[in-house]
Amino acid sequence: MKIYKSNYRDHWISPYSVLEYVFFWTAWSKCGRSRGIVEDADYVDHPAWVDRAVDYISPACQAIKWVLDLVHPQVNIIRIDPYDTWSMDHTLSDIILPMLRQLQVTKHGAPFVDDEDVPEHLRSTVAEPKENEWDTDSLHFQRWDWILAEMIWTFEQKVADDAEGQFFDHSAYNIADRAGRREWIDDINNSVSKTKYDEAGHRAWQFRKANGLRLFGKYFEALWD
């Protein structure tokens, strides 16, 4: 597998921005170029002639965008090799896990999460009363943090080489160095029969992993920064 994917590219140059930089000394230009928040009392709107000028400049801006998109497009090359699909779930897990970890660190918001998908102590029914009906409740972001953590845990299990080994105790698995094949096989059978298996723990682990994959599918379109 080879993936070459560049950052998103937007070559659009706003005609309003062009005029704001040309007439940089004006009050309306300074308001338009301000990177901060301009108070309503201090805001100066651009004059009417700017809208008319924009109609003339827009075709040139569109032409520039077309040329830049042509000579400097976004790189999006994906090559899949046959061996990538031999165990496709593990191949994808190697990619999904680091992306989820980065999203957990860099996210700037949170989607709405259904109460049924989180523990009772994180549900909206136990959150503090909202000041306004349109506000998010006090546990809104904690719910998404929990969902992301469950997804990350799930894919950590997927990429682990021997995640299920924790449920098997092979301490009695001691095969002697036998010269004869029959004796060696007997030792294996005897040791396997003494292996301890945590069935309840294994079932709980499988259930949590299956739920994490369900959450990943349910909130797939909410995986944005």
C-alpha atoms as a PDB file:
ATOM      1  CA  MET A   1       0.000   0.000   0.000  1.00  0.00           C
ATOM      2  CA  LYS A   2       1.204   3.475  -0.895  1.00  0.00           C
ATOM      3  CA  ILE A   3      -0.729   6.594   0.070  1.00  0.00           C
ATOM      4  CA  TYR A   4       0.208  10.127  -0.947  1.00  0.00           C
ATOM      5  CA  LYS A   5      -2.322  12.647   0.276  1.00  0.00           C
ATOM      6  CA  SER A   6      -1.561  16.341   0.595  1.00  0.00           C
ATOM      7  CA  ASN A   7      -3.262  18.979   2.670  1.00  0.00           C
ATOM      8  CA  TYR A   8      -6.515  20.481   1.407  1.00  0.00           C
ATOM      9  CA  ARG A   9      -5.844  23.273  -1.079  1.00  0.00           C
ATOM     10  CA  ASP A  10      -8.046  26.246  -1.785  1.00  0.00           C
ATOM     11  CA  HIS A  11      -6.740  28.642  -4.423  1.00  0.00           C
ATOM     12  CA  TRP A  12      -9.712  30.971  -4.330  1.00  0.00           C
ATOM     13  CA  ILE A  13      -8.759  34.629  -3.935  1.00  0.00           C
ATOM     14  CA  SER A  14     -11.724  36.678  -2.804  1.00  0.00           C
ATOM     15  CA  PRO A  15     -12.233  39.854  -4.847  1.00  0.00           C
ATOM     16  CA  TYR A  16     -13.273  41.572  -1.629  1.00  0.00           C
ATOM     17  CA  SER A  17      -9.886  40.690  -0.134  1.00  0.00           C
ATOM     18  CA  VAL A  18      -8.149  42.113  -3.201  1.00  0.00           C
ATOM     19  CA  LEU A  19      -9.940  45.432  -2.795  1.00  0.00           C
ATOM     20  CA  GLU A  20      -9.350  45.469   0.956  1.00  0.00           C
ATOM     21  CA  TYR A  21      -5.597  45.162   0.431  1.00  0.00           C
ATOM     22  CA  VAL A  22      -5.551  47.705  -2.393  1.00  0.00           C
ATOM     23  CA  PHE A  23      -7.398  50.293  -0.272  1.00  0.00           C
ATOM     24  CA  PHE A  24      -5.563  49.317   2.907  1.00  0.00           C
ATOM     25  CA  TRP A  25      -5.726  52.815   4.457  1.00  0.00           C
ATOM     26  CA  THR A  26      -9.533  52.947   4.647  1.00  0.00           C
ATOM     27  CA  ALA A  27     -11.540  52.132   7.743  1.00  0.00           C
ATOM     28  CA  TRP A  28     -13.693  49.543   5.939  1.00  0.00           C
ATOM     29  CA  SER A  29     -10.569  47.808   4.670  1.00  0.00           C
ATOM     30  CA  LYS A  30      -9.111  47.570   8.165  1.00  0.00           C
ATOM     31  CA  CYS A  31     -12.363  46.063   9.447  1.00  0.00           C
ATOM     32  CA  GLY A  32     -12.400  43.522   6.633  1.00  0.00           C
ATOM     33  CA  ARG A  33      -8.771  42.520   7.194  1.00  0.00           C
ATOM     34  CA  SER A  34      -9.070  42.348  10.957  1.00  0.00           C
ATOM     35  CA  ARG A  35      -8.207  38.900  12.315  1.00  0.00           C
ATOM     36  CA  GLY A  36      -9.925  39.679  15.589  1.00  0.00           C
ATOM     37  CA  ILE A  37     -13.526  40.477  16.423  1.00  0.00           C
ATOM     38  CA  VAL A  38     -14.608  43.995  15.587  1.00  0.00           C
ATOM     39  CA  GLU A  39     -17.254  45.421  17.871  1.00  0.00           C
ATOM     40  CA  ASP A  40     -20.487  46.411  16.150  1.00  0.00           C
ATOM     41  CA  ALA A  41     -20.024  50.014  17.229  1.00  0.00           C
ATOM     42  CA  ASP A  42     -16.591  50.144  15.575  1.00  0.00           C
ATOM     43  CA  TYR A  43     -17.428  48.203  12.431  1.00  0.00           C
ATOM     44  CA  VAL A  44     -17.373  50.108   9.115  1.00  0.00           C
ATOM     45  CA  ASP A  45     -19.023  48.430   6.146  1.00  0.00           C
ATOM     46  CA  HIS A  46     -17.546  48.741   2.689  1.00  0.00           C
ATOM     47  CA  PRO A  47     -19.102  51.364   0.364  1.00  0.00           C
ATOM     48  CA  ALA A  48     -21.583  50.402  -2.362  1.00  0.00           C
ATOM     49  CA  TRP A  49     -19.045  50.822  -5.177  1.00  0.00           C
ATOM     50  CA  VAL A  50     -17.047  47.878  -3.791  1.00  0.00           C
ATOM     51  CA  ASP A  51     -19.865  45.461  -4.714  1.00  0.00           C
ATOM     52  CA  ARG A  52     -19.868  46.797  -8.263  1.00  0.00           C
ATOM     53  CA  ALA A  53     -16.098  46.486  -8.482  1.00  0.00           C
ATOM     54  CA  VAL A  54     -16.300  42.892  -7.270  1.00  0.00           C
ATOM     55  CA  ASP A  55     -18.440  41.991 -10.290  1.00  0.00           C
ATOM     56  CA  TYR A  56     -15.601  43.099 -12.565  1.00  0.00           C
ATOM     57  CA  ILE A  57     -12.801  41.433 -10.549  1.00  0.00           C
ATOM     58  CA  SER A  58     -14.523  38.068  -9.964  1.00  0.00           C
ATOM     59  CA  PRO A  59     -13.810  36.625 -13.470  1.00  0.00           C
ATOM     60  CA  ALA A  60     -10.089  37.318 -13.005  1.00  0.00           C
ATOM     61  CA  CYS A  61     -10.163  35.614  -9.583  1.00  0.00           C
ATOM     62  CA  GLN A  62     -11.926  32.606 -11.091  1.00  0.00           C
ATOM     63  CA  ALA A  63      -9.310  32.420 -13.858  1.00  0.00           C
ATOM     64  CA  ILE A  64      -6.452  32.531 -11.344  1.00  0.00           C
ATOM     65  CA  LYS A  65      -8.109  29.787  -9.293  1.00  0.00           C
ATOM     66  CA  TRP A  66      -8.531  27.609 -12.398  1.00  0.00           C
ATOM     67  CA  VAL A  67      -4.855  27.965 -13.331  1.00  0.00           C
ATOM     68  CA  LEU A  68      -3.615  27.244  -9.789  1.00  0.00           C
ATOM     69  CA  ASP A  69      -5.923  24.235  -9.451  1.00  0.00           C
ATOM     70  CA  LEU A  70      -4.495  22.935 -12.723  1.00  0.00           C
ATOM     71  CA  VAL A  71      -0.798  23.386 -11.927  1.00  0.00           C
ATOM     72  CA  HIS A  72      -1.001  22.709  -8.195  1.00  0.00           C
ATOM     73  CA  PRO A  73      -3.799  20.196  -7.537  1.00  0.00           C
ATOM     74  CA  GLN A  74      -4.328  18.348  -4.314  1.00  0.00           C
ATOM     75  CA  VAL A  75      -2.298  15.126  -4.240  1.00  0.00           C
ATOM     76  CA  ASN A  76      -4.523  12.108  -3.691  1.00  0.00           C
ATOM     77  CA  ILE A  77      -2.753   8.936  -4.836  1.00  0.00           C
ATOM     78  CA  ILE A  78      -3.683   5.575  -3.316  1.00  0.00           C
ATOM     79  CA  ARG A  79      -2.211   2.276  -4.464  1.00  0.00           C
ATOM     80  CA  ILE A  80      -3.515  -0.970  -3.015  1.00  0.00           C
ATOM     81  CA  ASP A  81      -1.381  -4.115  -3.251  1.00  0.00           C
ATOM     82  CA  PRO A  82      -2.866  -7.626  -3.180  1.00  0.00           C
ATOM     83  CA  TYR A  83      -1.387  -8.395   0.231  1.00  0.00           C
ATOM     84  CA  ASP A  84      -3.193  -5.384   1.733  1.00  0.00           C
ATOM     85  CA  THR A  85      -6.460  -7.316   1.617  1.00  0.00           C
ATOM     86  CA  TRP A  86      -5.149 -10.605   2.971  1.00  0.00           C
ATOM     87  CA  SER A  87      -6.196  -9.344   6.402  1.00  0.00           C
ATOM     88  CA  MET A  88      -7.898  -6.110   5.510  1.00  0.00           C
ATOM     89  CA  ASP A  89      -9.234  -5.458   9.012  1.00  0.00           C
ATOM     90  CA  HIS A  90      -5.698  -5.395  10.433  1.00  0.00           C
ATOM     91  CA  THR A  91      -4.355  -3.337   7.524  1.00  0.00           C
ATOM     92  CA  LEU A  92      -6.995  -0.665   8.086  1.00  0.00           C
ATOM     93  CA  SER A  93      -6.536  -0.798  11.870  1.00  0.00           C
ATOM     94  CA  ASP A  94      -2.872   0.195  11.479  1.00  0.00           C
ATOM     95  CA  ILE A  95      -4.071   3.380   9.739  1.00  0.00           C
ATOM     96  CA  ILE A  96      -7.192   4.106  11.785  1.00  0.00           C
ATOM     97  CA  LEU A  97      -5.540   3.879  15.219  1.00  0.00           C
ATOM     98  CA  PRO A  98      -2.971   6.717  14.814  1.00  0.00           C
ATOM     99  CA  MET A  99      -5.622   8.893  13.162  1.00  0.00           C
ATOM    100  CA  LEU A 100      -7.995   8.405  16.098  1.00  0.00           C
ATOM    101  CA  ARG A 101      -5.198   9.221  18.532  1.00  0.00           C
ATOM    102  CA  GLN A 102      -4.404  12.436  16.687  1.00  0.00           C
ATOM    103  CA  LEU A 103      -8.078  13.385  16.506  1.00  0.00           C
ATOM    104  CA  GLN A 104      -8.363  12.882  20.250  1.00  0.00           C
ATOM    105  CA  VAL A 105      -5.605  15.471  20.768  1.00  0.00           C
ATOM    106  CA  THR A 106      -6.501  18.023  18.079  1.00  0.00           C
ATOM    107  CA  LYS A 107     -10.305  17.970  18.031  1.00  0.00           C
ATOM    108  CA  HIS A 108     -12.047  21.338  18.326  1.00  0.00           C
ATOM    109  CA  GLY A 109     -15.596  20.181  18.945  1.00  0.00           C
ATOM    110  CA  ALA A 110     -17.851  17.247  19.593  1.00  0.00           C
ATOM    111  CA  PRO A 111     -20.925  15.800  17.864  1.00  0.00           C
ATOM    112  CA  PHE A 112     -24.119  14.845  19.626  1.00  0.00           C
ATOM    113  CA  VAL A 113     -23.831  11.407  21.218  1.00  0.00           C
ATOM    114  CA  ASP A 114     -26.832   9.255  22.110  1.00  0.00           C
ATOM    115  CA  ASP A 115     -27.239   8.520  25.805  1.00  0.00           C
ATOM    116  CA  GLU A 116     -27.609   4.820  25.071  1.00  0.00           C
ATOM    117  CA  ASP A 117     -24.002   4.681  23.853  1.00  0.00           C
ATOM    118  CA  VAL A 118     -22.346   5.930  27.051  1.00  0.00           C
ATOM    119  CA  PRO A 119     -22.363   4.914  30.742  1.00  0.00           C
ATOM    120  CA  GLU A 120     -25.140   6.297  32.950  1.00  0.00           C
ATOM    121  CA  HIS A 121     -22.876   8.846  34.690  1.00  0.00           C
ATOM    122  CA  LEU A 122     -22.257  10.588  31.337  1.00  0.00           C
ATOM    123  CA  ARG A 123     -25.820  10.749  30.069  1.00  0.00           C
ATOM    124  CA  SER A 124     -27.660  14.000  29.505  1.00  0.00           C
ATOM    125  CA  THR A 125     -30.247  12.962  32.091  1.00  0.00           C
ATOM    126  CA  VAL A 126     -27.699  13.449  34.893  1.00  0.00           C
ATOM    127  CA  ALA A 127     -26.085  16.619  33.482  1.00  0.00           C
ATOM    128  CA  GLU A 128     -26.443  20.005  35.133  1.00  0.00           C
ATOM    129  CA  PRO A 129     -29.489  22.039  34.047  1.00  0.00           C
ATOM    130  CA  LYS A 130     -28.901  24.070  30.866  1.00  0.00           C
ATOM    131  CA  GLU A 131     -29.205  27.842  30.946  1.00  0.00           C
ATOM    132  CA  ASN A 132     -30.803  27.875  27.476  1.00  0.00           C
ATOM    133  CA  GLU A 133     -32.593  25.120  25.599  1.00  0.00           C
ATOM    134  CA  TRP A 134     -30.202  25.409  22.636  1.00  0.00           C
ATOM    135  CA  ASP A 135     -27.071  25.026  24.801  1.00  0.00           C
ATOM    136  CA  THR A 136     -25.121  21.775  25.000  1.00  0.00           C
ATOM    137  CA  ASP A 137     -25.290  20.147  28.418  1.00  0.00           C
ATOM    138  CA  SER A 138     -22.382  19.954  30.855  1.00  0.00           C
ATOM    139  CA  LEU A 139     -21.470  16.402  29.803  1.00  0.00           C
ATOM    140  CA  HIS A 140     -21.637  16.930  26.031  1.00  0.00           C
ATOM    141  CA  PHE A 141     -17.884  16.873  25.438  1.00  0.00           C
ATOM    142  CA  GLN A 142     -17.193  14.165  28.021  1.00  0.00           C
ATOM    143  CA  ARG A 143     -19.507  11.826  26.136  1.00  0.00           C
ATOM    144  CA  TRP A 144     -17.511  12.259  22.932  1.00  0.00           C
ATOM    145  CA  ASP A 145     -14.246  11.812  24.831  1.00  0.00           C
ATOM    146  CA  TRP A 146     -15.556   8.495  26.133  1.00  0.00           C
ATOM    147  CA  ILE A 147     -16.650   7.365  22.663  1.00  0.00           C
ATOM    148  CA  LEU A 148     -13.245   8.224  21.175  1.00  0.00           C
ATOM    149  CA  ALA A 149     -11.473   6.411  24.002  1.00  0.00           C
ATOM    150  CA  GLU A 150     -13.522   3.285  23.335  1.00  0.00           C
ATOM    151  CA  MET A 151     -12.718   3.434  19.620  1.00  0.00           C
ATOM    152  CA  ILE A 152      -9.008   3.834  20.360  1.00  0.00           C
ATOM    153  CA  TRP A 153      -9.034   0.940  22.828  1.00  0.00           C
ATOM    154  CA  THR A 154     -10.794  -1.245  20.244  1.00  0.00           C
ATOM    155  CA  PHE A 155      -8.238  -0.624  17.514  1.00  0.00           C
ATOM    156  CA  GLU A 156      -5.394  -1.073  19.990  1.00  0.00           C
ATOM    157  CA  GLN A 157      -6.718  -4.596  20.478  1.00  0.00           C
ATOM    158  CA  LYS A 158      -6.942  -5.070  16.712  1.00  0.00           C
ATOM    159  CA  VAL A 159      -3.304  -4.153  16.058  1.00  0.00           C
ATOM    160  CA  ALA A 160      -1.896  -6.079  19.032  1.00  0.00           C
ATOM    161  CA  ASP A 161      -0.111  -9.265  18.002  1.00  0.00           C
ATOM    162  CA  ASP A 162      -1.512 -11.388  20.830  1.00  0.00           C
ATOM    163  CA  ALA A 163      -4.349  -9.436  22.416  1.00  0.00           C
ATOM    164  CA  GLU A 164      -6.241 -12.604  23.314  1.00  0.00           C
ATOM    165  CA  GLY A 165      -3.265 -14.211  25.038  1.00  0.00           C
ATOM    166  CA  GLN A 166      -4.183 -12.503  28.303  1.00  0.00           C
ATOM    167  CA  PHE A 167      -7.084 -14.905  28.739  1.00  0.00           C
ATOM    168  CA  PHE A 168      -5.001 -18.078  28.516  1.00  0.00           C
ATOM    169  CA  ASP A 169      -2.695 -19.223  31.315  1.00  0.00           C
ATOM    170  CA  HIS A 170       0.006 -21.456  29.892  1.00  0.00           C
ATOM    171  CA  SER A 171       2.036 -21.721  33.099  1.00  0.00           C
ATOM    172  CA  ALA A 172       1.459 -25.494  33.089  1.00  0.00           C
ATOM    173  CA  TYR A 173       2.423 -25.699  29.428  1.00  0.00           C
ATOM    174  CA  ASN A 174       5.835 -27.318  29.810  1.00  0.00           C
ATOM    175  CA  ILE A 175       6.896 -29.599  26.976  1.00  0.00           C
ATOM    176  CA  ALA A 176       9.903 -31.780  27.734  1.00  0.00           C
ATOM    177  CA  ASP A 177      12.616 -32.324  25.179  1.00  0.00           C
ATOM    178  CA  ARG A 178      11.610 -35.736  23.896  1.00  0.00           C
ATOM    179  CA  ALA A 179      13.432 -37.645  21.252  1.00  0.00           C
ATOM    180  CA  GLY A 180      10.428 -39.618  20.097  1.00  0.00           C
ATOM    181  CA  ARG A 181       7.579 -38.018  18.176  1.00  0.00           C
ATOM    182  CA  ARG A 182       4.905 -39.909  20.119  1.00  0.00           C
ATOM    183  CA  GLU A 183       6.228 -38.719  23.479  1.00  0.00           C
ATOM    184  CA  TRP A 184       6.423 -35.122  22.183  1.00  0.00           C
ATOM    185  CA  ILE A 185       2.787 -35.199  21.035  1.00  0.00           C
ATOM    186  CA  ASP A 186       1.699 -36.682  24.345  1.00  0.00           C
ATOM    187  CA  ASP A 187       3.449 -33.827  26.154  1.00  0.00           C
ATOM    188  CA  ILE A 188       1.589 -31.251  24.023  1.00  0.00           C
ATOM    189  CA  ASN A 189      -1.782 -32.865  24.646  1.00  0.00           C
ATOM    190  CA  ASN A 190      -1.101 -33.091  28.360  1.00  0.00           C
ATOM    191  CA  SER A 191       0.027 -29.438  28.585  1.00  0.00           C
ATOM    192  CA  VAL A 192      -2.908 -28.109  26.533  1.00  0.00           C
ATOM    193  CA  SER A 193      -5.332 -29.871  28.819  1.00  0.00           C
ATOM    194  CA  LYS A 194      -3.819 -27.970  31.760  1.00  0.00           C
ATOM    195  CA  THR A 195      -4.154 -24.530  30.109  1.00  0.00           C
ATOM    196  CA  LYS A 196      -6.435 -22.240  32.093  1.00  0.00           C
ATOM    197  CA  TYR A 197      -8.970 -20.220  30.098  1.00  0.00           C
ATOM    198  CA  ASP A 198     -10.710 -17.081  31.399  1.00  0.00           C
ATOM    199  CA  GLU A 199     -13.943 -17.512  29.466  1.00  0.00           C
ATOM    200  CA  ALA A 200     -15.865 -14.740  31.251  1.00  0.00           C
ATOM    201  CA  GLY A 201     -13.062 -12.249  30.744  1.00  0.00           C
ATOM    202  CA  HIS A 202     -12.705 -13.251  27.102  1.00  0.00           C
ATOM    203  CA  ARG A 203     -16.414 -12.796  26.465  1.00  0.00           C
ATOM    204  CA  ALA A 204     -16.380  -9.342  28.124  1.00  0.00           C
ATOM    205  CA  TRP A 205     -13.346  -8.367  26.032  1.00  0.00           C
ATOM    206  CA  GLN A 206     -15.039  -9.516  22.835  1.00  0.00           C
ATOM    207  CA  PHE A 207     -18.222  -7.630  23.734  1.00  0.00           C
ATOM    208  CA  ARG A 208     -16.344  -4.388  24.411  1.00  0.00           C
ATOM    209  CA  LYS A 209     -14.375  -4.730  21.175  1.00  0.00           C
ATOM    210  CA  ALA A 210     -17.546  -5.397  19.167  1.00  0.00           C
ATOM    211  CA  ASN A 211     -19.192  -2.368  20.770  1.00  0.00           C
ATOM    212  CA  GLY A 212     -16.183  -0.201  19.903  1.00  0.00           C
ATOM    213  CA  LEU A 213     -16.464  -1.245  16.251  1.00  0.00           C
ATOM    214  CA  ARG A 214     -20.189  -0.502  16.373  1.00  0.00           C
ATOM    215  CA  LEU A 215     -19.489   2.976  17.738  1.00  0.00           C
ATOM    216  CA  PHE A 216     -16.864   3.536  15.031  1.00  0.00           C
ATOM    217  CA  GLY A 217     -19.442   2.736  12.357  1.00  0.00           C
ATOM    218  CA  LYS A 218     -22.213   4.751  14.000  1.00  0.00           C
ATOM    219  CA  TYR A 219     -20.119   7.904  14.491  1.00  0.00           C
ATOM    220  CA  PHE A 220     -17.921   7.507  11.412  1.00  0.00           C
ATOM    221  CA  GLU A 221     -19.223  10.739   9.865  1.00  0.00           C
ATOM    222  CA  ALA A 222     -18.530  12.562  13.134  1.00  0.00           C
ATOM    223  CA  LEU A 223     -14.775  11.918  12.892  1.00  0.00           C
ATOM    224  CA  TRP A 224     -13.775  15.473  12.074  1.00  0.00           C
ATOM    225  CA  ASP A 225     -11.477  18.026  13.647  1.00  0.00           C
END
